[in-house]
Amino acid sequence: AVRVGRAIAVALADAGVDVAVHYHRSAAAARRTAHEIAARGVRAVVL
């Protein structure tokens, strides 16, 4: 959802990978990251 993990999730989406974004406390940030991923045309889920 945040920091380095977010950058990794977005980079994988840029490579055409569907991504499940795990979070513990950062629910709002996880949703924002998932929105960024979905904007790249791949699937994004928040767990």
All heavy atoms as atom14 arrays in JSON, in Angstrom:
{
  "sequence": "AVRVGRAIAVALADAGVDVAVHYHRSAAAARRTAHEIAARGVRAVVL",
  "atom14_mask": [
    [1, 1, 1, 1, 1, 0, 0, 0, 0, 0, 0, 0, 0, 0],
    [1, 1, 1, 1, 1, 1, 1, 0, 0, 0, 0, 0, 0, 0],
    [1, 1, 1, 1, 1, 1, 1, 1, 1, 1, 1, 0, 0, 0],
    [1, 1, 1, 1, 1, 1, 1, 0, 0, 0, 0, 0, 0, 0],
    [1, 1, 1, 1, 0, 0, 0, 0, 0, 0, 0, 0, 0, 0],
    [1, 1, 1, 1, 1, 1, 1, 1, 1, 1, 1, 0, 0, 0],
    [1, 1, 1, 1, 1, 0, 0, 0, 0, 0, 0, 0, 0, 0],
    [1, 1, 1, 1, 1, 1, 1, 1, 0, 0, 0, 0, 0, 0],
    [1, 1, 1, 1, 1, 0, 0, 0, 0, 0, 0, 0, 0, 0],
    [1, 1, 1, 1, 1, 1, 1, 0, 0, 0, 0, 0, 0, 0],
    [1, 1, 1, 1, 1, 0, 0, 0, 0, 0, 0, 0, 0, 0],
    [1, 1, 1, 1, 1, 1, 1, 1, 0, 0, 0, 0, 0, 0],
    [1, 1, 1, 1, 1, 0, 0, 0, 0, 0, 0, 0, 0, 0],
    [1, 1, 1, 1, 1, 1, 1, 1, 0, 0, 0, 0, 0, 0],
    [1, 1, 1, 1, 1, 0, 0, 0, 0, 0, 0, 0, 0, 0],
    [1, 1, 1, 1, 0, 0, 0, 0, 0, 0, 0, 0, 0, 0],
    [1, 1, 1, 1, 1, 1, 1, 0, 0, 0, 0, 0, 0, 0],
    [1, 1, 1, 1, 1, 1, 1, 1, 0, 0, 0, 0, 0, 0],
    [1, 1, 1, 1, 1, 1, 1, 0, 0, 0, 0, 0, 0, 0],
    [1, 1, 1, 1, 1, 0, 0, 0, 0, 0, 0, 0, 0, 0],
    [1, 1, 1, 1, 1, 1, 1, 0, 0, 0, 0, 0, 0, 0],
    [1, 1, 1, 1, 1, 1, 1, 1, 1, 1, 0, 0, 0, 0],
    [1, 1, 1, 1, 1, 1, 1, 1, 1, 1, 1, 1, 0, 0],
    [1, 1, 1, 1, 1, 1, 1, 1, 1, 1, 0, 0, 0, 0],
    [1, 1, 1, 1, 1, 1, 1, 1, 1, 1, 1, 0, 0, 0],
    [1, 1, 1, 1, 1, 1, 0, 0, 0, 0, 0, 0, 0, 0],
    [1, 1, 1, 1, 1, 0, 0, 0, 0, 0, 0, 0, 0, 0],
    [1, 1, 1, 1, 1, 0, 0, 0, 0, 0, 0, 0, 0, 0],
    [1, 1, 1, 1, 1, 0, 0, 0, 0, 0, 0, 0, 0, 0],
    [1, 1, 1, 1, 1, 0, 0, 0, 0, 0, 0, 0, 0, 0],
    [1, 1, 1, 1, 1, 1, 1, 1, 1, 1, 1, 0, 0, 0],
    [1, 1, 1, 1, 1, 1, 1, 1, 1, 1, 1, 0, 0, 0],
    [1, 1, 1, 1, 1, 1, 1, 0, 0, 0, 0, 0, 0, 0],
    [1, 1, 1, 1, 1, 0, 0, 0, 0, 0, 0, 0, 0, 0],
    [1, 1, 1, 1, 1, 1, 1, 1, 1, 1, 0, 0, 0, 0],
    [1, 1, 1, 1, 1, 1, 1, 1, 1, 0, 0, 0, 0, 0],
    [1, 1, 1, 1, 1, 1, 1, 1, 0, 0, 0, 0, 0, 0],
    [1, 1, 1, 1, 1, 0, 0, 0, 0, 0, 0, 0, 0, 0],
    [1, 1, 1, 1, 1, 0, 0, 0, 0, 0, 0, 0, 0, 0],
    [1, 1, 1, 1, 1, 1, 1, 1, 1, 1, 1, 0, 0, 0],
    [1, 1, 1, 1, 0, 0, 0, 0, 0, 0, 0, 0, 0, 0],
    [1, 1, 1, 1, 1, 1, 1, 0, 0, 0, 0, 0, 0, 0],
    [1, 1, 1, 1, 1, 1, 1, 1, 1, 1, 1, 0, 0, 0],
    [1, 1, 1, 1, 1, 0, 0, 0, 0, 0, 0, 0, 0, 0],
    [1, 1, 1, 1, 1, 1, 1, 0, 0, 0, 0, 0, 0, 0],
    [1, 1, 1, 1, 1, 1, 1, 0, 0, 0, 0, 0, 0, 0],
    [1, 1, 1, 1, 1, 1, 1, 1, 0, 0, 0, 0, 0, 0]
  ],
  "atom14_positions": [
    [[0.81, -1.22, 0.0], [0.0, 0.0, 0.0], [0.84, 1.27, 0.0], [0.43, 2.29, -0.58], [-0.93, 0.01, 1.21], [0.0, 0.0, 0.0], [0.0, 0.0, 0.0], [0.0, 0.0, 0.0], [0.0, 0.0, 0.0], [0.0, 0.0, 0.0], [0.0, 0.0, 0.0], [0.0, 0.0, 0.0], [0.0, 0.0, 0.0], [0.0, 0.0, 0.0]],
    [[2.0, 1.23, 0.65], [2.75, 2.47, 0.87], [4.23, 2.27, 0.6], [4.72, 1.14, 0.49], [2.57, 2.99, 2.32], [1.12, 3.36, 2.59], [3.04, 1.93, 3.33], [0.0, 0.0, 0.0], [0.0, 0.0, 0.0], [0.0, 0.0, 0.0], [0.0, 0.0, 0.0], [0.0, 0.0, 0.0], [0.0, 0.0, 0.0], [0.0, 0.0, 0.0]],
    [[4.93, 3.39, 0.47], [6.38, 3.44, 0.39], [6.93, 2.5, -0.68], [6.43, 2.49, -1.81], [6.98, 3.19, 1.79], [6.59, 4.3, 2.79], [6.96, 3.98, 4.21], [8.4, 3.99, 4.43], [9.13, 5.07, 4.67], [8.57, 6.27, 4.71], [10.44, 4.97, 4.89], [0.0, 0.0, 0.0], [0.0, 0.0, 0.0], [0.0, 0.0, 0.0]],
    [[7.93, 1.72, -0.37], [8.56, 0.86, -1.37], [7.58, -0.18, -1.91], [7.57, -0.48, -3.11], [9.82, 0.19, -0.8], [10.38, -0.84, -1.77], [10.88, 1.24, -0.48], [0.0, 0.0, 0.0], [0.0, 0.0, 0.0], [0.0, 0.0, 0.0], [0.0, 0.0, 0.0], [0.0, 0.0, 0.0], [0.0, 0.0, 0.0], [0.0, 0.0, 0.0]],
    [[6.75, -0.74, -1.04], [5.78, -1.73, -1.48], [4.84, -1.17, -2.54], [4.5, -1.85, -3.52], [0.0, 0.0, 0.0], [0.0, 0.0, 0.0], [0.0, 0.0, 0.0], [0.0, 0.0, 0.0], [0.0, 0.0, 0.0], [0.0, 0.0, 0.0], [0.0, 0.0, 0.0], [0.0, 0.0, 0.0], [0.0, 0.0, 0.0], [0.0, 0.0, 0.0]],
    [[4.4, 0.06, -2.36], [3.54, 0.7, -3.35], [4.25, 0.83, -4.69], [3.69, 0.55, -5.75], [3.11, 2.08, -2.85], [2.33, 2.87, -3.88], [2.36, 4.38, -3.61], [2.08, 5.09, -4.85], [2.99, 5.38, -5.76], [4.25, 5.02, -5.6], [2.64, 6.03, -6.87], [0.0, 0.0, 0.0], [0.0, 0.0, 0.0], [0.0, 0.0, 0.0]],
    [[5.52, 1.28, -4.65], [6.28, 1.43, -5.9], [6.41, 0.1, -6.62], [6.33, 0.03, -7.85], [7.65, 2.02, -5.6], [0.0, 0.0, 0.0], [0.0, 0.0, 0.0], [0.0, 0.0, 0.0], [0.0, 0.0, 0.0], [0.0, 0.0, 0.0], [0.0, 0.0, 0.0], [0.0, 0.0, 0.0], [0.0, 0.0, 0.0], [0.0, 0.0, 0.0]],
    [[6.6, -0.97, -5.87], [6.71, -2.3, -6.46], [5.39, -2.7, -7.12], [5.35, -3.19, -8.26], [7.11, -3.34, -5.4], [8.55, -3.08, -4.94], [6.96, -4.76, -5.93], [8.95, -3.86, -3.71], [0.0, 0.0, 0.0], [0.0, 0.0, 0.0], [0.0, 0.0, 0.0], [0.0, 0.0, 0.0], [0.0, 0.0, 0.0], [0.0, 0.0, 0.0]],
    [[4.29, -2.5, -6.41], [2.98, -2.87, -6.94], [2.67, -2.12, -8.23], [2.19, -2.7, -9.22], [1.89, -2.6, -5.9], [0.0, 0.0, 0.0], [0.0, 0.0, 0.0], [0.0, 0.0, 0.0], [0.0, 0.0, 0.0], [0.0, 0.0, 0.0], [0.0, 0.0, 0.0], [0.0, 0.0, 0.0], [0.0, 0.0, 0.0], [0.0, 0.0, 0.0]],
    [[2.97, -0.83, -8.26], [2.7, -0.02, -9.45], [3.62, -0.42, -10.6], [3.19, -0.49, -11.76], [2.84, 1.48, -9.11], [2.78, 2.34, -10.37], [1.75, 1.91, -8.12], [0.0, 0.0, 0.0], [0.0, 0.0, 0.0], [0.0, 0.0, 0.0], [0.0, 0.0, 0.0], [0.0, 0.0, 0.0], [0.0, 0.0, 0.0], [0.0, 0.0, 0.0]],
    [[4.88, -0.7, -10.29], [5.81, -1.12, -11.34], [5.39, -2.43, -11.98], [5.5, -2.62, -13.2], [7.23, -1.22, -10.78], [0.0, 0.0, 0.0], [0.0, 0.0, 0.0], [0.0, 0.0, 0.0], [0.0, 0.0, 0.0], [0.0, 0.0, 0.0], [0.0, 0.0, 0.0], [0.0, 0.0, 0.0], [0.0, 0.0, 0.0], [0.0, 0.0, 0.0]],
    [[4.92, -3.37, -11.17], [4.42, -4.63, -11.73], [3.2, -4.39, -12.62], [3.06, -5.02, -13.67], [4.08, -5.6, -10.6], [5.29, -6.19, -9.85], [4.82, -7.0, -8.65], [6.14, -7.05, -10.77], [0.0, 0.0, 0.0], [0.0, 0.0, 0.0], [0.0, 0.0, 0.0], [0.0, 0.0, 0.0], [0.0, 0.0, 0.0], [0.0, 0.0, 0.0]],
    [[2.34, -3.47, -12.2], [1.19, -3.13, -13.04], [1.65, -2.53, -14.37], [1.08, -2.84, -15.42], [0.28, -2.14, -12.3], [0.0, 0.0, 0.0], [0.0, 0.0, 0.0], [0.0, 0.0, 0.0], [0.0, 0.0, 0.0], [0.0, 0.0, 0.0], [0.0, 0.0, 0.0], [0.0, 0.0, 0.0], [0.0, 0.0, 0.0], [0.0, 0.0, 0.0]],
    [[2.68, -1.7, -14.32], [3.23, -1.15, -15.56], [3.75, -2.24, -16.48], [3.8, -2.07, -17.71], [4.36, -0.17, -15.24], [3.86, 1.19, -14.75], [2.72, 1.55, -15.11], [4.59, 1.87, -14.02], [0.0, 0.0, 0.0], [0.0, 0.0, 0.0], [0.0, 0.0, 0.0], [0.0, 0.0, 0.0], [0.0, 0.0, 0.0], [0.0, 0.0, 0.0]],
    [[4.17, -3.36, -15.89], [4.65, -4.5, -16.69], [3.52, -5.41, -17.14], [3.78, -6.48, -17.7], [5.67, -5.29, -15.87], [0.0, 0.0, 0.0], [0.0, 0.0, 0.0], [0.0, 0.0, 0.0], [0.0, 0.0, 0.0], [0.0, 0.0, 0.0], [0.0, 0.0, 0.0], [0.0, 0.0, 0.0], [0.0, 0.0, 0.0], [0.0, 0.0, 0.0]],
    [[2.27, -5.01, -16.89], [1.13, -5.79, -17.36], [0.67, -6.88, -16.42], [-0.04, -7.8, -16.83], [0.0, 0.0, 0.0], [0.0, 0.0, 0.0], [0.0, 0.0, 0.0], [0.0, 0.0, 0.0], [0.0, 0.0, 0.0], [0.0, 0.0, 0.0], [0.0, 0.0, 0.0], [0.0, 0.0, 0.0], [0.0, 0.0, 0.0], [0.0, 0.0, 0.0]],
    [[1.04, -6.77, -15.13], [0.72, -7.8, -14.14], [-0.5, -7.38, -13.33], [-0.59, -6.23, -12.89], [1.93, -8.04, -13.21], [1.6, -9.06, -12.13], [3.15, -8.48, -14.02], [0.0, 0.0, 0.0], [0.0, 0.0, 0.0], [0.0, 0.0, 0.0], [0.0, 0.0, 0.0], [0.0, 0.0, 0.0], [0.0, 0.0, 0.0], [0.0, 0.0, 0.0]],
    [[-1.44, -8.29, -13.13], [-2.53, -8.05, -12.18], [-1.95, -8.12, -10.76], [-1.11, -8.99, -10.48], [-3.62, -9.11, -12.32], [-4.34, -9.04, -13.66], [-4.33, -7.96, -14.28], [-4.9, -10.07, -14.08], [0.0, 0.0, 0.0], [0.0, 0.0, 0.0], [0.0, 0.0, 0.0], [0.0, 0.0, 0.0], [0.0, 0.0, 0.0], [0.0, 0.0, 0.0]],
    [[-2.41, -7.25, -9.86], [-1.77, -7.13, -8.55], [-2.78, -7.16, -7.42], [-3.77, -6.42, -7.43], [-0.94, -5.84, -8.45], [-0.21, -5.78, -7.11], [0.06, -5.72, -9.6], [0.0, 0.0, 0.0], [0.0, 0.0, 0.0], [0.0, 0.0, 0.0], [0.0, 0.0, 0.0], [0.0, 0.0, 0.0], [0.0, 0.0, 0.0], [0.0, 0.0, 0.0]],
    [[-2.5, -8.01, -6.42], [-3.21, -7.97, -5.14], [-2.35, -7.17, -4.17], [-1.19, -7.52, -3.91], [-3.43, -9.38, -4.61], [0.0, 0.0, 0.0], [0.0, 0.0, 0.0], [0.0, 0.0, 0.0], [0.0, 0.0, 0.0], [0.0, 0.0, 0.0], [0.0, 0.0, 0.0], [0.0, 0.0, 0.0], [0.0, 0.0, 0.0], [0.0, 0.0, 0.0]],
    [[-2.9, -6.09, -3.66], [-2.2, -5.19, -2.75], [-2.57, -5.55, -1.32], [-3.71, -5.35, -0.9], [-2.57, -3.72, -3.05], [-1.86, -2.78, -2.07], [-2.22, -3.35, -4.49], [0.0, 0.0, 0.0], [0.0, 0.0, 0.0], [0.0, 0.0, 0.0], [0.0, 0.0, 0.0], [0.0, 0.0, 0.0], [0.0, 0.0, 0.0], [0.0, 0.0, 0.0]],
    [[-1.6, -6.06, -0.58], [-1.85, -6.38, 0.83], [-1.55, -5.16, 1.69], [-0.63, -4.38, 1.42], [-0.96, -7.54, 1.29], [-0.74, -7.54, 2.78], [0.42, -7.05, 3.36], [-1.54, -7.93, 3.81], [0.33, -7.16, 4.66], [-0.84, -7.68, 4.96], [0.0, 0.0, 0.0], [0.0, 0.0, 0.0], [0.0, 0.0, 0.0], [0.0, 0.0, 0.0]],
    [[-2.34, -5.0, 2.76], [-2.08, -3.96, 3.75], [-2.47, -4.48, 5.12], [-3.21, -5.45, 5.25], [-2.85, -2.68, 3.41], [-4.33, -2.78, 3.74], [-4.84, -2.28, 4.95], [-5.22, -3.39, 2.86], [-6.19, -2.39, 5.26], [-6.56, -3.5, 3.17], [-7.04, -2.99, 4.36], [-8.38, -3.11, 4.68], [0.0, 0.0, 0.0], [0.0, 0.0, 0.0]],
    [[-1.95, -3.8, 6.15], [-2.35, -4.09, 7.52], [-3.16, -2.92, 8.07], [-4.34, -3.05, 8.36], [-1.13, -4.36, 8.39], [-1.48, -4.63, 9.82], [-0.6, -4.41, 10.86], [-2.62, -5.09, 10.41], [-1.17, -4.73, 12.0], [-2.4, -5.13, 11.77], [0.0, 0.0, 0.0], [0.0, 0.0, 0.0], [0.0, 0.0, 0.0], [0.0, 0.0, 0.0]],
    [[-2.52, -1.75, 8.18], [-3.21, -0.59, 8.74], [-3.55, 0.48, 7.7], [-4.36, 1.36, 7.96], [-2.37, 0.04, 9.86], [-2.18, -0.85, 11.08], [-1.53, -0.08, 12.2], [-1.4, -0.9, 13.41], [-0.32, -1.59, 13.73], [0.73, -1.56, 12.92], [-0.27, -2.3, 14.84], [0.0, 0.0, 0.0], [0.0, 0.0, 0.0], [0.0, 0.0, 0.0]],
    [[-2.94, 0.45, 6.54], [-3.04, 1.55, 5.57], [-4.16, 1.29, 4.56], [-3.91, 1.17, 3.35], [-1.7, 1.74, 4.86], [-0.65, 1.95, 5.78], [0.0, 0.0, 0.0], [0.0, 0.0, 0.0], [0.0, 0.0, 0.0], [0.0, 0.0, 0.0], [0.0, 0.0, 0.0], [0.0, 0.0, 0.0], [0.0, 0.0, 0.0], [0.0, 0.0, 0.0]],
    [[-5.4, 1.23, 5.04], [-6.52, 0.9, 4.16], [-6.72, 1.94, 3.07], [-6.89, 1.6, 1.89], [-7.8, 0.74, 4.99], [0.0, 0.0, 0.0], [0.0, 0.0, 0.0], [0.0, 0.0, 0.0], [0.0, 0.0, 0.0], [0.0, 0.0, 0.0], [0.0, 0.0, 0.0], [0.0, 0.0, 0.0], [0.0, 0.0, 0.0], [0.0, 0.0, 0.0]],
    [[-6.73, 3.21, 3.45], [-6.96, 4.27, 2.46], [-5.84, 4.3, 1.42], [-6.09, 4.44, 0.22], [-7.08, 5.63, 3.15], [0.0, 0.0, 0.0], [0.0, 0.0, 0.0], [0.0, 0.0, 0.0], [0.0, 0.0, 0.0], [0.0, 0.0, 0.0], [0.0, 0.0, 0.0], [0.0, 0.0, 0.0], [0.0, 0.0, 0.0], [0.0, 0.0, 0.0]],
    [[-4.61, 4.14, 1.88], [-3.47, 4.13, 0.95], [-3.55, 2.93, 0.02], [-3.21, 3.02, -1.16], [-2.16, 4.12, 1.73], [0.0, 0.0, 0.0], [0.0, 0.0, 0.0], [0.0, 0.0, 0.0], [0.0, 0.0, 0.0], [0.0, 0.0, 0.0], [0.0, 0.0, 0.0], [0.0, 0.0, 0.0], [0.0, 0.0, 0.0], [0.0, 0.0, 0.0]],
    [[-3.99, 1.79, 0.54], [-4.12, 0.6, -0.3], [-5.15, 0.83, -1.4], [-4.94, 0.42, -2.56], [-4.52, -0.6, 0.56], [0.0, 0.0, 0.0], [0.0, 0.0, 0.0], [0.0, 0.0, 0.0], [0.0, 0.0, 0.0], [0.0, 0.0, 0.0], [0.0, 0.0, 0.0], [0.0, 0.0, 0.0], [0.0, 0.0, 0.0], [0.0, 0.0, 0.0]],
    [[-6.25, 1.48, -1.07], [-7.26, 1.77, -2.09], [-6.71, 2.72, -3.14], [-6.97, 2.56, -4.35], [-8.52, 2.34, -1.44], [-9.3, 1.3, -0.63], [-10.66, 1.84, -0.24], [-10.57, 2.95, 0.7], [-10.58, 2.81, 2.03], [-10.64, 1.61, 2.57], [-10.51, 3.88, 2.8], [0.0, 0.0, 0.0], [0.0, 0.0, 0.0], [0.0, 0.0, 0.0]],
    [[-5.92, 3.71, -2.72], [-5.32, 4.64, -3.69], [-4.35, 3.91, -4.61], [-4.32, 4.14, -5.83], [-4.62, 5.79, -2.97], [-5.55, 6.77, -2.31], [-4.82, 8.03, -1.88], [-3.82, 7.78, -0.86], [-4.06, 7.83, 0.45], [-5.29, 8.1, 0.89], [-3.1, 7.6, 1.32], [0.0, 0.0, 0.0], [0.0, 0.0, 0.0], [0.0, 0.0, 0.0]],
    [[-3.55, 3.02, -4.02], [-2.6, 2.26, -4.83], [-3.34, 1.37, -5.82], [-2.95, 1.27, -7.0], [-1.7, 1.4, -3.93], [-0.97, 2.26, -3.04], [-0.72, 0.58, -4.75], [0.0, 0.0, 0.0], [0.0, 0.0, 0.0], [0.0, 0.0, 0.0], [0.0, 0.0, 0.0], [0.0, 0.0, 0.0], [0.0, 0.0, 0.0], [0.0, 0.0, 0.0]],
    [[-4.41, 0.72, -5.38], [-5.19, -0.11, -6.28], [-5.79, 0.7, -7.41], [-5.87, 0.24, -8.56], [-6.3, -0.82, -5.49], [0.0, 0.0, 0.0], [0.0, 0.0, 0.0], [0.0, 0.0, 0.0], [0.0, 0.0, 0.0], [0.0, 0.0, 0.0], [0.0, 0.0, 0.0], [0.0, 0.0, 0.0], [0.0, 0.0, 0.0], [0.0, 0.0, 0.0]],
    [[-6.2, 1.93, -7.12], [-6.74, 2.8, -8.17], [-5.65, 3.12, -9.2], [-5.92, 3.11, -10.41], [-7.27, 4.09, -7.54], [-7.85, 5.05, -8.54], [-9.07, 4.85, -9.12], [-7.35, 6.2, -9.06], [-9.32, 5.85, -9.96], [-8.29, 6.67, -9.95], [0.0, 0.0, 0.0], [0.0, 0.0, 0.0], [0.0, 0.0, 0.0], [0.0, 0.0, 0.0]],
    [[-4.43, 3.39, -8.73], [-3.33, 3.64, -9.66], [-3.07, 2.42, -10.54], [-2.78, 2.55, -11.74], [-2.06, 3.97, -8.88], [-2.03, 5.32, -8.21], [-0.67, 5.57, -7.57], [0.32, 5.7, -8.33], [-0.59, 5.62, -6.33], [0.0, 0.0, 0.0], [0.0, 0.0, 0.0], [0.0, 0.0, 0.0], [0.0, 0.0, 0.0], [0.0, 0.0, 0.0]],
    [[-3.13, 1.26, -9.95], [-2.88, 0.02, -10.7], [-3.96, -0.19, -11.75], [-3.67, -0.48, -12.91], [-2.8, -1.17, -9.72], [-1.55, -1.06, -8.86], [-2.84, -2.49, -10.48], [-1.53, -2.02, -7.69], [0.0, 0.0, 0.0], [0.0, 0.0, 0.0], [0.0, 0.0, 0.0], [0.0, 0.0, 0.0], [0.0, 0.0, 0.0], [0.0, 0.0, 0.0]],
    [[-5.23, -0.04, -11.35], [-6.33, -0.24, -12.28], [-6.28, 0.74, -13.45], [-6.67, 0.39, -14.57], [-7.66, -0.12, -11.54], [0.0, 0.0, 0.0], [0.0, 0.0, 0.0], [0.0, 0.0, 0.0], [0.0, 0.0, 0.0], [0.0, 0.0, 0.0], [0.0, 0.0, 0.0], [0.0, 0.0, 0.0], [0.0, 0.0, 0.0], [0.0, 0.0, 0.0]],
    [[-5.78, 1.93, -13.19], [-5.66, 2.93, -14.26], [-4.69, 2.49, -15.35], [-4.7, 3.05, -16.45], [-5.21, 4.27, -13.67], [0.0, 0.0, 0.0], [0.0, 0.0, 0.0], [0.0, 0.0, 0.0], [0.0, 0.0, 0.0], [0.0, 0.0, 0.0], [0.0, 0.0, 0.0], [0.0, 0.0, 0.0], [0.0, 0.0, 0.0], [0.0, 0.0, 0.0]],
    [[-3.87, 1.5, -15.06], [-2.91, 0.98, -16.04], [-3.5, -0.17, -16.87], [-2.79, -0.79, -17.65], [-1.63, 0.55, -15.33], [-0.8, 1.76, -14.91], [0.08, 1.47, -13.72], [1.07, 2.52, -13.53], [0.84, 3.67, -12.9], [-0.36, 3.92, -12.42], [1.8, 4.57, -12.77], [0.0, 0.0, 0.0], [0.0, 0.0, 0.0], [0.0, 0.0, 0.0]],
    [[-4.76, -0.45, -16.66], [-5.44, -1.44, -17.49], [-5.31, -2.87, -17.01], [-5.62, -3.8, -17.77], [0.0, 0.0, 0.0], [0.0, 0.0, 0.0], [0.0, 0.0, 0.0], [0.0, 0.0, 0.0], [0.0, 0.0, 0.0], [0.0, 0.0, 0.0], [0.0, 0.0, 0.0], [0.0, 0.0, 0.0], [0.0, 0.0, 0.0], [0.0, 0.0, 0.0]],
    [[-4.87, -3.07, -15.78], [-4.79, -4.42, -15.22], [-5.69, -4.49, -13.99], [-6.17, -3.48, -13.49], [-3.33, -4.8, -14.85], [-2.46, -4.85, -16.09], [-2.75, -3.82, -13.82], [0.0, 0.0, 0.0], [0.0, 0.0, 0.0], [0.0, 0.0, 0.0], [0.0, 0.0, 0.0], [0.0, 0.0, 0.0], [0.0, 0.0, 0.0], [0.0, 0.0, 0.0]],
    [[-5.88, -5.71, -13.48], [-6.73, -5.88, -12.31], [-5.99, -5.51, -11.03], [-4.78, -5.75, -10.91], [-7.22, -7.32, -12.21], [-8.27, -7.7, -13.22], [-8.76, -9.11, -12.98], [-7.69, -10.09, -13.19], [-7.79, -11.37, -12.86], [-8.88, -11.82, -12.27], [-6.81, -12.19, -13.1], [0.0, 0.0, 0.0], [0.0, 0.0, 0.0], [0.0, 0.0, 0.0]],
    [[-6.73, -4.98, -10.08], [-6.17, -4.64, -8.77], [-7.17, -5.03, -7.7], [-8.37, -4.74, -7.82], [-5.85, -3.15, -8.68], [0.0, 0.0, 0.0], [0.0, 0.0, 0.0], [0.0, 0.0, 0.0], [0.0, 0.0, 0.0], [0.0, 0.0, 0.0], [0.0, 0.0, 0.0], [0.0, 0.0, 0.0], [0.0, 0.0, 0.0], [0.0, 0.0, 0.0]],
    [[-6.69, -5.71, -6.67], [-7.53, -6.04, -5.53], [-6.78, -5.64, -4.26], [-5.55, -5.59, -4.23], [-7.89, -7.54, -5.47], [-8.72, -7.91, -6.68], [-6.65, -8.4, -5.38], [0.0, 0.0, 0.0], [0.0, 0.0, 0.0], [0.0, 0.0, 0.0], [0.0, 0.0, 0.0], [0.0, 0.0, 0.0], [0.0, 0.0, 0.0], [0.0, 0.0, 0.0]],
    [[-7.54, -5.35, -3.22], [-6.98, -4.93, -1.94], [-7.31, -6.0, -0.91], [-8.47, -6.4, -0.77], [-7.56, -3.56, -1.52], [-7.11, -3.2, -0.11], [-7.14, -2.48, -2.5], [0.0, 0.0, 0.0], [0.0, 0.0, 0.0], [0.0, 0.0, 0.0], [0.0, 0.0, 0.0], [0.0, 0.0, 0.0], [0.0, 0.0, 0.0], [0.0, 0.0, 0.0]],
    [[-6.27, -6.45, -0.19], [-6.46, -7.52, 0.79], [-5.85, -7.14, 2.13], [-4.7, -6.68, 2.18], [-5.79, -8.81, 0.29], [-6.32, -9.36, -1.04], [-5.46, -10.55, -1.49], [-7.78, -9.76, -0.93], [0.0, 0.0, 0.0], [0.0, 0.0, 0.0], [0.0, 0.0, 0.0], [0.0, 0.0, 0.0], [0.0, 0.0, 0.0], [0.0, 0.0, 0.0]]
  ]
}
